PDB file of all heavy atoms in Angstrom:
ATOM      1  N   ILE A   1      16.761  -8.676 252.576  1.00  0.00           N
ATOM      2  CA  ILE A   1      15.927  -9.227 253.653  1.00  0.00           C
ATOM      3  C   ILE A   1      14.586  -8.499 253.712  1.00  0.00           C
ATOM      4  O   ILE A   1      13.526  -9.118 253.842  1.00  0.00           O
ATOM      5  CB  ILE A   1      16.663  -9.125 255.001  1.00  0.00           C
ATOM      6  CG1 ILE A   1      17.872 -10.056 255.020  1.00  0.00           C
ATOM      7  CG2 ILE A   1      15.718  -9.448 256.160  1.00  0.00           C
ATOM      8  CD1 ILE A   1      18.727  -9.929 256.261  1.00  0.00           C
ATOM      9  N   ILE A   2      14.629  -7.182 253.624  1.00  0.00           N
ATOM     10  CA  ILE A   2      13.407  -6.385 253.732  1.00  0.00           C
ATOM     11  C   ILE A   2      12.495  -6.617 252.530  1.00  0.00           C
ATOM     12  O   ILE A   2      11.274  -6.764 252.674  1.00  0.00           O
ATOM     13  CB  ILE A   2      13.754  -4.891 253.873  1.00  0.00           C
ATOM     14  CG1 ILE A   2      14.428  -4.652 255.233  1.00  0.00           C
ATOM     15  CG2 ILE A   2      12.513  -4.024 253.745  1.00  0.00           C
ATOM     16  CD1 ILE A   2      15.022  -3.279 255.386  1.00  0.00           C
ATOM     17  N   ILE A   3      13.074  -6.675 251.333  1.00  0.00           N
ATOM     18  CA  ILE A   3      12.283  -6.956 250.140  1.00  0.00           C
ATOM     19  C   ILE A   3      11.617  -8.325 250.260  1.00  0.00           C
ATOM     20  O   ILE A   3      10.429  -8.494 249.948  1.00  0.00           O
ATOM     21  CB  ILE A   3      13.161  -6.910 248.878  1.00  0.00           C
ATOM     22  CG1 ILE A   3      13.685  -5.484 248.631  1.00  0.00           C
ATOM     23  CG2 ILE A   3      12.383  -7.400 247.664  1.00  0.00           C
ATOM     24  CD1 ILE A   3      12.617  -4.475 248.306  1.00  0.00           C
ATOM     25  N   ALA A   4      12.392  -9.327 250.716  1.00  0.00           N
ATOM     26  CA  ALA A   4      11.857 -10.684 250.871  1.00  0.00           C
ATOM     27  C   ALA A   4      10.749 -10.721 251.920  1.00  0.00           C
ATOM     28  O   ALA A   4       9.740 -11.414 251.754  1.00  0.00           O
ATOM     29  CB  ALA A   4      12.978 -11.647 251.248  1.00  0.00           C
ATOM     30  N   PHE A   5      10.929  -9.965 252.996  1.00  0.00           N
ATOM     31  CA  PHE A   5       9.923  -9.920 254.053  1.00  0.00           C
ATOM     32  C   PHE A   5       8.620  -9.303 253.542  1.00  0.00           C
ATOM     33  O   PHE A   5       7.526  -9.831 253.793  1.00  0.00           O
ATOM     34  CB  PHE A   5      10.458  -9.106 255.234  1.00  0.00           C
ATOM     35  CG  PHE A   5       9.499  -8.998 256.393  1.00  0.00           C
ATOM     36  CD1 PHE A   5       9.084 -10.116 257.075  1.00  0.00           C
ATOM     37  CD2 PHE A   5       9.014  -7.749 256.791  1.00  0.00           C
ATOM     38  CE1 PHE A   5       8.190 -10.022 258.146  1.00  0.00           C
ATOM     39  CE2 PHE A   5       8.128  -7.644 257.850  1.00  0.00           C
ATOM     40  CZ  PHE A   5       7.716  -8.783 258.528  1.00  0.00           C
ATOM     41  N   GLY A   6       8.725  -8.204 252.804  1.00  0.00           N
ATOM     42  CA  GLY A   6       7.540  -7.571 252.236  1.00  0.00           C
ATOM     43  C   GLY A   6       6.841  -8.503 251.262  1.00  0.00           C
ATOM     44  O   GLY A   6       5.602  -8.597 251.247  1.00  0.00           O
ATOM     45  N   PHE A   7       7.619  -9.202 250.447  1.00  0.00           N
ATOM     46  CA  PHE A   7       7.056 -10.148 249.477  1.00  0.00           C
ATOM     47  C   PHE A   7       6.331 -11.283 250.194  1.00  0.00           C
ATOM     48  O   PHE A   7       5.229 -11.679 249.806  1.00  0.00           O
ATOM     49  CB  PHE A   7       8.179 -10.694 248.593  1.00  0.00           C
ATOM     50  CG  PHE A   7       7.730 -11.698 247.574  1.00  0.00           C
ATOM     51  CD1 PHE A   7       7.123 -11.288 246.401  1.00  0.00           C
ATOM     52  CD2 PHE A   7       7.920 -13.061 247.784  1.00  0.00           C
ATOM     53  CE1 PHE A   7       6.700 -12.209 245.450  1.00  0.00           C
ATOM     54  CE2 PHE A   7       7.510 -13.990 246.848  1.00  0.00           C
ATOM     55  CZ  PHE A   7       6.899 -13.568 245.677  1.00  0.00           C
ATOM     56  N   ALA A   8       6.958 -11.800 251.264  1.00  0.00           N
ATOM     57  CA  ALA A   8       6.359 -12.910 252.011  1.00  0.00           C
ATOM     58  C   ALA A   8       5.033 -12.498 252.645  1.00  0.00           C
ATOM     59  O   ALA A   8       4.047 -13.253 252.602  1.00  0.00           O
ATOM     60  CB  ALA A   8       7.331 -13.397 253.085  1.00  0.00           C
ATOM     61  N   LEU A   9       4.977 -11.301 253.231  1.00  0.00           N
ATOM     62  CA  LEU A   9       3.730 -10.831 253.841  1.00  0.00           C
ATOM     63  C   LEU A   9       2.640 -10.648 252.784  1.00  0.00           C
ATOM     64  O   LEU A   9       1.470 -10.972 253.023  1.00  0.00           O
ATOM     65  CB  LEU A   9       3.966  -9.511 254.574  1.00  0.00           C
ATOM     66  CG  LEU A   9       4.660  -9.567 255.930  1.00  0.00           C
ATOM     67  CD1 LEU A   9       4.685  -8.190 256.566  1.00  0.00           C
ATOM     68  CD2 LEU A   9       3.954 -10.557 256.866  1.00  0.00           C
ATOM     69  N   ALA A  10       3.023 -10.146 251.625  1.00  0.00           N
ATOM     70  CA  ALA A  10       2.057  -9.965 250.542  1.00  0.00           C
ATOM     71  C   ALA A  10       1.497 -11.313 250.094  1.00  0.00           C
ATOM     72  O   ALA A  10       0.287 -11.456 249.857  1.00  0.00           O
ATOM     73  CB  ALA A  10       2.713  -9.248 249.365  1.00  0.00           C
ATOM     74  N   VAL A  11       2.371 -12.313 249.999  1.00  0.00           N
ATOM     75  CA  VAL A  11       1.938 -13.654 249.591  1.00  0.00           C
ATOM     76  C   VAL A  11       1.019 -14.264 250.647  1.00  0.00           C
ATOM     77  O   VAL A  11      -0.013 -14.876 250.323  1.00  0.00           O
ATOM     78  CB  VAL A  11       3.158 -14.567 249.353  1.00  0.00           C
ATOM     79  CG1 VAL A  11       2.720 -16.025 249.165  1.00  0.00           C
ATOM     80  CG2 VAL A  11       3.926 -14.101 248.123  1.00  0.00           C
ATOM     81  N   LEU A  12       1.375 -14.118 251.925  1.00  0.00           N
ATOM     82  CA  LEU A  12       0.542 -14.662 252.999  1.00  0.00           C
ATOM     83  C   LEU A  12      -0.835 -14.019 253.012  1.00  0.00           C
ATOM     84  O   LEU A  12      -1.857 -14.699 253.194  1.00  0.00           O
ATOM     85  CB  LEU A  12       1.237 -14.449 254.352  1.00  0.00           C
ATOM     86  CG  LEU A  12       2.474 -15.318 254.621  1.00  0.00           C
ATOM     87  CD1 LEU A  12       3.146 -14.885 255.911  1.00  0.00           C
ATOM     88  CD2 LEU A  12       2.078 -16.791 254.683  1.00  0.00           C
ATOM     89  N   TYR A  13      -0.866 -12.700 252.823  1.00  0.00           N
ATOM     90  CA  TYR A  13      -2.150 -12.007 252.771  1.00  0.00           C
ATOM     91  C   TYR A  13      -2.978 -12.506 251.587  1.00  0.00           C
ATOM     92  O   TYR A  13      -4.168 -12.805 251.728  1.00  0.00           O
ATOM     93  CB  TYR A  13      -1.929 -10.499 252.648  1.00  0.00           C
ATOM     94  CG  TYR A  13      -3.228  -9.731 252.445  1.00  0.00           C
ATOM     95  CD1 TYR A  13      -3.998  -9.342 253.526  1.00  0.00           C
ATOM     96  CD2 TYR A  13      -3.678  -9.423 251.166  1.00  0.00           C
ATOM     97  CE1 TYR A  13      -5.190  -8.663 253.347  1.00  0.00           C
ATOM     98  CE2 TYR A  13      -4.867  -8.742 250.973  1.00  0.00           C
ATOM     99  CZ  TYR A  13      -5.620  -8.364 252.066  1.00  0.00           C
ATOM    100  OH  TYR A  13      -6.809  -7.703 251.874  1.00  0.00           O
ATOM    101  N   GLY A  14      -2.328 -12.600 250.416  1.00  0.00           N
ATOM    102  CA  GLY A  14      -3.041 -13.069 249.230  1.00  0.00           C
ATOM    103  C   GLY A  14      -3.576 -14.478 249.401  1.00  0.00           C
ATOM    104  O   GLY A  14      -4.697 -14.783 248.989  1.00  0.00           O
ATOM    105  N   GLY A  15      -2.774 -15.337 250.030  1.00  0.00           N
ATOM    106  CA  GLY A  15      -3.214 -16.718 250.256  1.00  0.00           C
ATOM    107  C   GLY A  15      -4.402 -16.789 251.200  1.00  0.00           C
ATOM    108  O   GLY A  15      -5.339 -17.563 250.978  1.00  0.00           O
ATOM    109  N   ARG A  16      -4.369 -15.967 252.234  1.00  0.00           N
ATOM    110  CA  ARG A  16      -5.485 -15.955 253.195  1.00  0.00           C
ATOM    111  C   ARG A  16      -6.765 -15.466 252.532  1.00  0.00           C
ATOM    112  O   ARG A  16      -7.841 -16.041 252.720  1.00  0.00           O
ATOM    113  CB  ARG A  16      -5.134 -15.071 254.383  1.00  0.00           C
ATOM    114  CG  ARG A  16      -6.264 -14.913 255.396  1.00  0.00           C
ATOM    115  CD  ARG A  16      -5.839 -14.109 256.599  1.00  0.00           C
ATOM    116  NE  ARG A  16      -6.951 -13.839 257.480  1.00  0.00           N
ATOM    117  CZ  ARG A  16      -7.478 -14.710 258.329  1.00  0.00           C
ATOM    118  NH1 ARG A  16      -6.989 -15.925 258.404  1.00  0.00           N
ATOM    119  NH2 ARG A  16      -8.495 -14.382 259.105  1.00  0.00           N
ATOM    120  N   MET A  17      -6.653 -14.380 251.762  1.00  0.00           N
ATOM    121  CA  MET A  17      -7.826 -13.843 251.086  1.00  0.00           C
ATOM    122  C   MET A  17      -8.333 -14.799 250.015  1.00  0.00           C
ATOM    123  O   MET A  17      -9.544 -14.926 249.806  1.00  0.00           O
ATOM    124  CB  MET A  17      -7.493 -12.489 250.467  1.00  0.00           C
ATOM    125  CG  MET A  17      -7.251 -11.382 251.485  1.00  0.00           C
ATOM    126  SD  MET A  17      -8.705 -11.051 252.525  1.00  0.00           S
ATOM    127  CE  MET A  17      -9.811 -10.349 251.297  1.00  0.00           C
ATOM    128  N   ALA A  18      -7.426 -15.482 249.340  1.00  0.00           N
ATOM    129  CA  ALA A  18      -7.833 -16.454 248.323  1.00  0.00           C
ATOM    130  C   ALA A  18      -8.639 -17.582 248.962  1.00  0.00           C
ATOM    131  O   ALA A  18      -9.629 -18.068 248.395  1.00  0.00           O
ATOM    132  CB  ALA A  18      -6.606 -17.014 247.612  1.00  0.00           C
ATOM    133  N   TYR A  19      -8.234 -17.989 250.171  1.00  0.00           N
ATOM    134  CA  TYR A  19      -8.978 -19.024 250.893  1.00  0.00           C
ATOM    135  C   TYR A  19     -10.365 -18.524 251.280  1.00  0.00           C
ATOM    136  O   TYR A  19     -11.370 -19.223 251.106  1.00  0.00           O
ATOM    137  CB  TYR A  19      -8.201 -19.434 252.139  1.00  0.00           C
ATOM    138  CG  TYR A  19      -8.999 -20.313 253.076  1.00  0.00           C
ATOM    139  CD1 TYR A  19      -9.220 -21.656 252.789  1.00  0.00           C
ATOM    140  CD2 TYR A  19      -9.560 -19.781 254.247  1.00  0.00           C
ATOM    141  CE1 TYR A  19      -9.974 -22.454 253.653  1.00  0.00           C
ATOM    142  CE2 TYR A  19     -10.301 -20.568 255.111  1.00  0.00           C
ATOM    143  CZ  TYR A  19     -10.506 -21.900 254.807  1.00  0.00           C
ATOM    144  OH  TYR A  19     -11.249 -22.680 255.639  1.00  0.00           O
ATOM    145  N   LYS A  20     -10.441 -17.298 251.798  1.00  0.00           N
ATOM    146  CA  LYS A  20     -11.728 -16.732 252.207  1.00  0.00           C
ATOM    147  C   LYS A  20     -12.650 -16.561 251.014  1.00  0.00           C
ATOM    148  O   LYS A  20     -13.874 -16.718 251.133  1.00  0.00           O
ATOM    149  CB  LYS A  20     -11.511 -15.380 252.885  1.00  0.00           C
ATOM    150  CG  LYS A  20     -10.832 -15.464 254.246  1.00  0.00           C
ATOM    151  CD  LYS A  20     -10.639 -14.090 254.859  1.00  0.00           C
ATOM    152  CE  LYS A  20     -11.973 -13.446 255.214  1.00  0.00           C
ATOM    153  NZ  LYS A  20     -11.778 -12.150 255.916  1.00  0.00           N
ATOM    154  N   TRP A  21     -12.092 -16.254 249.863  1.00  0.00           N
ATOM    155  CA  TRP A  21     -12.901 -16.066 248.655  1.00  0.00           C
ATOM    156  C   TRP A  21     -13.086 -17.363 247.878  1.00  0.00           C
ATOM    157  O   TRP A  21     -13.614 -17.370 246.783  1.00  0.00           O
ATOM    158  CB  TRP A  21     -12.250 -15.019 247.757  1.00  0.00           C
ATOM    159  CG  TRP A  21     -12.411 -13.620 248.265  1.00  0.00           C
ATOM    160  CD1 TRP A  21     -12.942 -13.221 249.460  1.00  0.00           C
ATOM    161  CD2 TRP A  21     -12.032 -12.422 247.589  1.00  0.00           C
ATOM    162  NE1 TRP A  21     -12.919 -11.855 249.575  1.00  0.00           N
ATOM    163  CE2 TRP A  21     -12.363 -11.337 248.438  1.00  0.00           C
ATOM    164  CE3 TRP A  21     -11.440 -12.162 246.357  1.00  0.00           C
ATOM    165  CZ2 TRP A  21     -12.125 -10.010 248.083  1.00  0.00           C
ATOM    166  CZ3 TRP A  21     -11.198 -10.843 246.007  1.00  0.00           C
ATOM    167  CH2 TRP A  21     -11.537  -9.779 246.852  1.00  0.00           C
ATOM    168  N   LYS A  22     -12.565 -18.469 248.470  1.00  0.00           N
ATOM    169  CA  LYS A  22     -12.695 -19.792 247.857  1.00  0.00           C
ATOM    170  C   LYS A  22     -12.101 -19.832 246.450  1.00  0.00           C
ATOM    171  O   LYS A  22     -12.668 -20.406 245.526  1.00  0.00           O
ATOM    172  CB  LYS A  22     -14.152 -20.247 247.855  1.00  0.00           C
ATOM    173  CG  LYS A  22     -14.714 -20.475 249.247  1.00  0.00           C
ATOM    174  CD  LYS A  22     -16.020 -21.236 249.220  1.00  0.00           C
ATOM    175  CE  LYS A  22     -16.484 -21.542 250.647  1.00  0.00           C
ATOM    176  NZ  LYS A  22     -15.558 -22.416 251.379  1.00  0.00           N
ATOM    177  N   MET A  23     -10.935 -19.207 246.306  1.00  0.00           N
ATOM    178  CA  MET A  23     -10.188 -19.259 245.052  1.00  0.00           C
ATOM    179  C   MET A  23      -9.209 -20.420 245.125  1.00  0.00           C
ATOM    180  O   MET A  23      -8.680 -20.746 246.194  1.00  0.00           O
ATOM    181  CB  MET A  23      -9.440 -17.944 244.824  1.00  0.00           C
ATOM    182  CG  MET A  23     -10.362 -16.741 244.706  1.00  0.00           C
ATOM    183  SD  MET A  23      -9.490 -15.146 244.763  1.00  0.00           S
ATOM    184  CE  MET A  23      -8.628 -15.162 243.190  1.00  0.00           C
ATOM    185  N   SER A  24      -8.959 -21.060 244.008  1.00  0.00           N
ATOM    186  CA  SER A  24      -8.085 -22.228 243.952  1.00  0.00           C
ATOM    187  C   SER A  24      -6.668 -21.867 244.400  1.00  0.00           C
ATOM    188  O   SER A  24      -6.026 -20.991 243.811  1.00  0.00           O
ATOM    189  CB  SER A  24      -8.032 -22.772 242.521  1.00  0.00           C
ATOM    190  OG  SER A  24      -6.985 -23.704 242.371  1.00  0.00           O
ATOM    191  N   LEU A  25      -6.172 -22.556 245.431  1.00  0.00           N
ATOM    192  CA  LEU A  25      -4.818 -22.297 245.905  1.00  0.00           C
ATOM    193  C   LEU A  25      -3.784 -22.784 244.892  1.00  0.00           C
ATOM    194  O   LEU A  25      -2.698 -22.209 244.772  1.00  0.00           O
ATOM    195  CB  LEU A  25      -4.591 -22.969 247.257  1.00  0.00           C
ATOM    196  CG  LEU A  25      -5.404 -22.376 248.425  1.00  0.00           C
ATOM    197  CD1 LEU A  25      -5.037 -23.062 249.727  1.00  0.00           C
ATOM    198  CD2 LEU A  25      -5.159 -20.868 248.553  1.00  0.00           C
ATOM    199  N   ASP A  26      -4.115 -23.871 244.166  1.00  0.00           N
ATOM    200  CA  ASP A  26      -3.219 -24.327 243.101  1.00  0.00           C
ATOM    201  C   ASP A  26      -3.135 -23.269 242.006  1.00  0.00           C
ATOM    202  O   ASP A  26      -2.061 -22.995 241.473  1.00  0.00           O
ATOM    203  CB  ASP A  26      -3.729 -25.648 242.502  1.00  0.00           C
ATOM    204  CG  ASP A  26      -3.547 -26.819 243.453  1.00  0.00           C
ATOM    205  OD1 ASP A  26      -2.663 -26.722 244.343  1.00  0.00           O
ATOM    206  OD2 ASP A  26      -4.262 -27.823 243.310  1.00  0.00           O
ATOM    207  N   GLY A  27      -4.287 -22.683 241.686  1.00  0.00           N
ATOM    208  CA  GLY A  27      -4.303 -21.613 240.690  1.00  0.00           C
ATOM    209  C   GLY A  27      -3.518 -20.402 241.165  1.00  0.00           C
ATOM    210  O   GLY A  27      -2.803 -19.759 240.383  1.00  0.00           O
ATOM    211  N   MET A  28      -3.636 -20.089 242.459  1.00  0.00           N
ATOM    212  CA  MET A  28      -2.899 -18.962 243.017  1.00  0.00           C
ATOM    213  C   MET A  28      -1.387 -19.223 242.987  1.00  0.00           C
ATOM    214  O   MET A  28      -0.594 -18.295 242.834  1.00  0.00           O
ATOM    215  CB  MET A  28      -3.357 -18.697 244.449  1.00  0.00           C
ATOM    216  CG  MET A  28      -4.758 -18.113 244.552  1.00  0.00           C
ATOM    217  SD  MET A  28      -4.882 -16.460 243.822  1.00  0.00           S
ATOM    218  CE  MET A  28      -3.918 -15.504 245.000  1.00  0.00           C
ATOM    219  N   THR A  29      -1.004 -20.495 243.118  1.00  0.00           N
ATOM    220  CA  THR A  29       0.413 -20.837 243.005  1.00  0.00           C
ATOM    221  C   THR A  29       0.923 -20.550 241.604  1.00  0.00           C
ATOM    222  O   THR A  29       2.031 -20.033 241.424  1.00  0.00           O
ATOM    223  CB  THR A  29       0.634 -22.322 243.357  1.00  0.00           C
ATOM    224  OG1 THR A  29       0.179 -22.576 244.692  1.00  0.00           O
ATOM    225  CG2 THR A  29       2.112 -22.685 243.255  1.00  0.00           C
ATOM    226  N   ASP A  30       0.111 -20.890 240.601  1.00  0.00           N
ATOM    227  CA  ASP A  30       0.478 -20.574 239.215  1.00  0.00           C
ATOM    228  C   ASP A  30       0.662 -19.067 239.046  1.00  0.00           C
ATOM    229  O   ASP A  30       1.613 -18.603 238.406  1.00  0.00           O
ATOM    230  CB  ASP A  30      -0.608 -21.065 238.245  1.00  0.00           C
ATOM    231  CG  ASP A  30      -0.651 -22.578 238.127  1.00  0.00           C
ATOM    232  OD1 ASP A  30       0.332 -23.221 238.543  1.00  0.00           O
ATOM    233  OD2 ASP A  30      -1.654 -23.106 237.632  1.00  0.00           O
ATOM    234  N   VAL A  31      -0.271 -18.313 239.610  1.00  0.00           N
ATOM    235  CA  VAL A  31      -0.203 -16.851 239.520  1.00  0.00           C
ATOM    236  C   VAL A  31       1.073 -16.338 240.184  1.00  0.00           C
ATOM    237  O   VAL A  31       1.764 -15.459 239.647  1.00  0.00           O
ATOM    238  CB  VAL A  31      -1.439 -16.212 240.186  1.00  0.00           C
ATOM    239  CG1 VAL A  31      -1.255 -14.699 240.341  1.00  0.00           C
ATOM    240  CG2 VAL A  31      -2.687 -16.499 239.366  1.00  0.00           C
ATOM    241  N   LEU A  32       1.396 -16.878 241.356  1.00  0.00           N
ATOM    242  CA  LEU A  32       2.577 -16.436 242.098  1.00  0.00           C
ATOM    243  C   LEU A  32       3.860 -16.686 241.305  1.00  0.00           C
ATOM    244  O   LEU A  32       4.721 -15.812 241.199  1.00  0.00           O
ATOM    245  CB  LEU A  32       2.641 -17.160 243.446  1.00  0.00           C
ATOM    246  CG  LEU A  32       3.852 -16.851 244.328  1.00  0.00           C
ATOM    247  CD1 LEU A  32       3.885 -15.381 244.708  1.00  0.00           C
ATOM    248  CD2 LEU A  32       3.829 -17.729 245.577  1.00  0.00           C
ATOM    249  N   ILE A  33       3.956 -17.868 240.735  1.00  0.00           N
ATOM    250  CA  ILE A  33       5.169 -18.226 239.987  1.00  0.00           C
ATOM    251  C   ILE A  33       5.324 -17.348 238.744  1.00  0.00           C
ATOM    252  O   ILE A  33       6.371 -16.725 238.524  1.00  0.00           O
ATOM    253  CB  ILE A  33       5.151 -19.717 239.601  1.00  0.00           C
ATOM    254  CG1 ILE A  33       5.231 -20.586 240.862  1.00  0.00           C
ATOM    255  CG2 ILE A  33       6.306 -20.033 238.646  1.00  0.00           C
ATOM    256  CD1 ILE A  33       5.043 -22.065 240.605  1.00  0.00           C
ATOM    257  N   TRP A  34       4.255 -17.295 237.930  1.00  0.00           N
ATOM    258  CA  TRP A  34       4.325 -16.514 236.705  1.00  0.00           C
ATOM    259  C   TRP A  34       4.508 -15.019 237.005  1.00  0.00           C
ATOM    260  O   TRP A  34       5.292 -14.328 236.361  1.00  0.00           O
ATOM    261  CB  TRP A  34       3.057 -16.715 235.876  1.00  0.00           C
ATOM    262  CG  TRP A  34       2.990 -18.023 235.144  1.00  0.00           C
ATOM    263  CD1 TRP A  34       2.261 -19.118 235.500  1.00  0.00           C
ATOM    264  CD2 TRP A  34       3.691 -18.367 233.943  1.00  0.00           C
ATOM    265  NE1 TRP A  34       2.449 -20.134 234.598  1.00  0.00           N
ATOM    266  CE2 TRP A  34       3.320 -19.699 233.625  1.00  0.00           C
ATOM    267  CE3 TRP A  34       4.574 -17.698 233.113  1.00  0.00           C
ATOM    268  CZ2 TRP A  34       3.810 -20.356 232.501  1.00  0.00           C
ATOM    269  CZ3 TRP A  34       5.065 -18.354 231.991  1.00  0.00           C
ATOM    270  CH2 TRP A  34       4.696 -19.658 231.697  1.00  0.00           C
ATOM    271  N   GLY A  35       3.785 -14.530 237.995  1.00  0.00           N
ATOM    272  CA  GLY A  35       3.862 -13.113 238.340  1.00  0.00           C
ATOM    273  C   GLY A  35       5.233 -12.719 238.856  1.00  0.00           C
ATOM    274  O   GLY A  35       5.747 -11.644 238.522  1.00  0.00           O
ATOM    275  N   THR A  36       5.846 -13.600 239.660  1.00  0.00           N
ATOM    276  CA  THR A  36       7.170 -13.302 240.208  1.00  0.00           C
ATOM    277  C   THR A  36       8.228 -13.260 239.113  1.00  0.00           C
ATOM    278  O   THR A  36       9.043 -12.329 239.045  1.00  0.00           O
ATOM    279  CB  THR A  36       7.562 -14.356 241.260  1.00  0.00           C
ATOM    280  OG1 THR A  36       6.591 -14.357 242.322  1.00  0.00           O
ATOM    281  CG2 THR A  36       8.935 -14.058 241.837  1.00  0.00           C
ATOM    282  N   VAL A  37       8.211 -14.261 238.249  1.00  0.00           N
ATOM    283  CA  VAL A  37       9.208 -14.336 237.169  1.00  0.00           C
ATOM    284  C   VAL A  37       9.090 -13.127 236.238  1.00  0.00           C
ATOM    285  O   VAL A  37      10.082 -12.430 235.966  1.00  0.00           O
ATOM    286  CB  VAL A  37       9.047 -15.640 236.360  1.00  0.00           C
ATOM    287  CG1 VAL A  37       9.947 -15.618 235.127  1.00  0.00           C
ATOM    288  CG2 VAL A  37       9.381 -16.844 237.235  1.00  0.00           C
TER     289      VAL A  37
END
């Protein structure tokens, strides 16, 4: 649970910053999937 919670917060932070920096959210999804695996 704790590992999943930390991972979720990291993803939410990354998604928010990606939006502020106008980075492609679809591209960030690719990064998330490949990086996690």
